Every structure is written in structure tokens, then in C-alpha cells.
Amino acid sequence: MPNTQRSPRTRQLLLVFILVLLVAAIVYAVSENRPWKIPEEAKLRKSPLQTSPAALAAARTVYRDKCVQCHGETGKGDGPDAASYYPRPASLTDTRHINSVTDGEIFYQISEGRKPMPAFKKRLTEEQRWQLVLLVRAFAAPESSSH
């Protein structure tokens, strides 16, 4: 008799455990896909660099080393590792979105990161991060977009 009483109780506990895991997974997924919270002072930062062939060439070298695996060769968010991440890497070719954010916001996102994207504040120099801002803008330039 004790075994028959435990079986429904065990099933109930297992069901509760599975439901708790499911809720936790949903909460985690929603929290990972939230909008960026960028401090106002970061939004207001202006790039100290001007777009130039040399700055873009330097940025492409860094991009190939640190970013291409996720964001892809052309910045479309379609790199070889992209499918294994949630949320998926952003497309840097979305002209409307890129034009709606400041250089300071892009610099902040590169510097601080957010899962699954790593922070590059300690991995790249400030100049390299500003060069990447220029490259992100170049990816979203109308002549490089597909629309």
C-alpha cells in the first residue's frame, strides 16, 4: 500500500518541478530579450573619430576577429555561430534601427555587451570600439543595405 500512495505523490512533485522549470525558462528567455537600458550620458557620447578608409580597415580587422562569428561577414547577424544563440545576434544592416541610435549607444553596447554578446570594454581599446561604431554605421548605409 505505501508504494501506491507514493506514486501519485511522486507524479505530483515531478509535475510541479517540470512546471517550475518551464516558468523559469520562460522568464529567462523574456528577460534576455529585453530592450537595452543605456544610461543617458552614454547616449550623448560623440565619436571622436571621423569615417575614413584607414579607420574602416582597422575596424574590419577587429570585426573579423571578434564579431564575424555571430554577426556575419556583412553584418546581417548570420555568422556561423548565430543560430546557437538566443537572442540571435542583431543585424547591423537594419538602416532604420541603426539610424535611430546614437554613436554613444552603439559604443555602449559594444563596450558593455549583454548575454549572449560579451563585453569588449577590456578586450578592445577605446579607439577600436569607436572604429567598430563607424563600421556598424557603414553596414547600415543605404548603398550596402538590401532594401
Protein backbone atom coordinates (compact mmCIF):
# COMPACT_ATOMS: atom_id res chain seq x y z
CA MET A 1 0.00 0.00 0.00
CA PRO A 2 2.72 2.62 0.79
CA ASN A 3 4.07 2.33 -2.79
CA THR A 4 0.67 3.17 -4.34
CA GLN A 5 0.39 6.27 -2.15
CA ARG A 6 3.87 7.48 -3.12
CA SER A 7 3.36 7.04 -6.83
CA PRO A 8 0.66 9.75 -7.24
CA ARG A 9 2.58 11.99 -4.81
CA THR A 10 5.79 11.46 -6.75
CA ARG A 11 3.99 12.24 -10.01
CA GLN A 12 2.58 15.42 -8.48
CA LEU A 13 6.01 16.54 -7.32
CA LEU A 14 7.51 15.75 -10.71
CA LEU A 15 4.76 17.73 -12.45
CA VAL A 16 5.31 20.71 -10.12
CA PHE A 17 9.05 20.51 -10.72
CA ILE A 18 8.57 20.46 -14.51
CA LEU A 19 6.17 23.42 -14.33
CA VAL A 20 8.63 25.40 -12.22
CA LEU A 21 11.40 24.69 -14.74
CA LEU A 22 9.15 25.72 -17.61
CA VAL A 23 8.20 29.00 -15.92
CA ALA A 24 11.87 29.68 -15.10
CA ALA A 25 12.85 29.06 -18.74
CA ILE A 26 10.14 31.44 -19.99
CA VAL A 27 11.16 34.15 -17.51
CA TYR A 28 14.80 33.72 -18.50
CA ALA A 29 14.00 33.93 -22.23
CA VAL A 30 11.89 37.05 -21.78
CA SER A 31 14.50 38.76 -19.59
CA GLU A 32 17.27 38.04 -22.10
CA ASN A 33 15.30 39.64 -24.92
CA ARG A 34 14.55 42.95 -23.20
CA PRO A 35 15.45 46.35 -24.63
CA TRP A 36 18.87 47.78 -23.82
CA LYS A 37 18.97 50.15 -20.85
CA ILE A 38 21.60 52.66 -21.81
CA PRO A 39 22.49 55.50 -19.43
CA GLU A 40 21.69 58.97 -20.75
CA GLU A 41 25.34 60.09 -20.52
CA ALA A 42 26.36 57.12 -22.70
CA LYS A 43 23.73 58.02 -25.31
CA LEU A 44 25.14 61.54 -25.52
CA ARG A 45 28.76 60.48 -26.19
CA LYS A 46 30.03 61.58 -29.57
CA SER A 47 32.50 59.60 -31.62
CA PRO A 48 35.96 61.14 -31.59
CA LEU A 49 36.69 59.51 -34.98
CA GLN A 50 35.82 60.53 -38.49
CA THR A 51 34.95 57.91 -41.08
CA SER A 52 37.99 57.18 -43.19
CA PRO A 53 39.29 54.25 -45.23
CA ALA A 54 42.01 53.66 -42.60
CA ALA A 55 39.55 53.64 -39.67
CA LEU A 56 37.17 51.29 -41.52
CA ALA A 57 40.04 48.97 -42.50
CA ALA A 58 41.18 48.81 -38.86
CA ALA A 59 37.58 48.16 -37.76
CA ARG A 60 37.18 45.35 -40.32
CA THR A 61 40.27 43.61 -38.89
CA VAL A 62 38.83 43.76 -35.36
CA TYR A 63 35.37 42.79 -36.63
CA ARG A 64 36.71 39.70 -38.41
CA ASP A 65 38.50 38.64 -35.23
CA LYS A 66 35.80 39.40 -32.63
CA CYS A 67 32.41 39.80 -34.31
CA VAL A 68 32.07 37.90 -37.58
CA GLN A 69 31.31 34.52 -35.93
CA CYS A 70 27.98 35.88 -34.72
CA HIS A 71 27.17 38.98 -36.80
CA GLY A 72 28.41 37.53 -40.12
CA GLU A 73 30.72 38.84 -42.83
CA THR A 74 28.29 41.55 -43.91
CA GLY A 75 26.73 42.30 -40.51
CA LYS A 76 23.41 40.58 -41.15
CA GLY A 77 23.51 38.60 -37.89
CA ASP A 78 24.05 35.40 -39.84
CA GLY A 79 27.50 34.30 -38.75
CA PRO A 80 28.33 30.60 -38.37
CA ASP A 81 27.61 30.69 -34.61
CA ALA A 82 24.47 32.88 -34.81
CA ALA A 83 21.92 30.06 -34.71
CA SER A 84 23.27 28.76 -31.40
CA TYR A 85 22.41 31.98 -29.51
CA TYR A 86 19.26 33.42 -28.02
CA PRO A 87 18.56 36.12 -28.62
CA ARG A 88 20.03 35.90 -32.10
CA PRO A 89 22.78 38.39 -32.97
CA ALA A 90 21.44 41.70 -34.23
CA SER A 91 21.53 42.59 -37.89
CA LEU A 92 23.83 45.56 -38.27
CA THR A 93 22.36 46.25 -41.71
CA ASP A 94 18.98 47.44 -40.39
CA THR A 95 19.24 51.04 -41.57
CA ARG A 96 16.11 52.20 -39.73
CA HIS A 97 17.31 50.80 -36.40
CA ILE A 98 20.94 51.89 -36.75
CA ASN A 99 19.85 55.41 -37.72
CA SER A 100 17.63 55.55 -34.61
CA VAL A 101 20.51 55.07 -32.16
CA THR A 102 23.38 57.39 -31.34
CA ASP A 103 27.06 56.61 -31.75
CA GLY A 104 27.24 56.61 -27.95
CA GLU A 105 24.56 53.90 -27.74
CA ILE A 106 26.40 51.67 -30.21
CA PHE A 107 29.68 52.27 -28.37
CA TYR A 108 27.99 51.39 -25.05
CA GLN A 109 26.55 48.15 -26.47
CA ILE A 110 29.94 47.11 -27.83
CA SER A 111 31.68 48.06 -24.58
CA GLU A 112 29.24 46.57 -22.06
CA GLY A 113 27.77 43.66 -24.02
CA ARG A 114 24.72 41.72 -22.95
CA LYS A 115 24.25 37.99 -22.98
CA PRO A 116 24.98 36.29 -25.20
CA MET A 117 27.21 39.10 -26.55
CA PRO A 118 30.37 39.58 -24.49
CA ALA A 119 31.57 42.94 -23.21
CA PHE A 120 34.50 44.33 -25.17
CA LYS A 121 35.47 47.12 -22.74
CA LYS A 122 38.52 45.17 -21.56
CA ARG A 123 39.11 43.19 -24.77
CA LEU A 124 39.39 46.13 -27.16
CA THR A 125 40.85 49.61 -26.86
CA GLU A 126 38.54 52.61 -26.80
CA GLU A 127 39.74 53.52 -30.30
CA GLN A 128 38.95 50.02 -31.61
CA ARG A 129 35.43 50.23 -30.16
CA TRP A 130 34.86 53.63 -31.80
CA GLN A 131 36.18 52.18 -35.09
CA LEU A 132 33.57 49.43 -34.79
CA VAL A 133 30.90 52.12 -34.38
CA LEU A 134 31.99 53.52 -37.74
CA LEU A 135 31.81 50.05 -39.29
CA VAL A 136 28.32 49.42 -37.87
CA ARG A 137 27.21 52.70 -39.48
CA ALA A 138 28.83 51.58 -42.77
CA PHE A 139 26.95 48.23 -42.68
CA ALA A 140 23.67 50.13 -42.39
CA ALA A 141 24.50 52.72 -45.05
CA PRO A 142 21.79 52.74 -47.76
CA GLU A 143 24.16 51.56 -50.51
CA SER A 144 25.08 48.43 -48.51
CA SER A 145 21.53 47.50 -47.48
CA SER A 146 19.41 45.07 -49.41
CA HIS A 147 16.19 47.14 -49.48
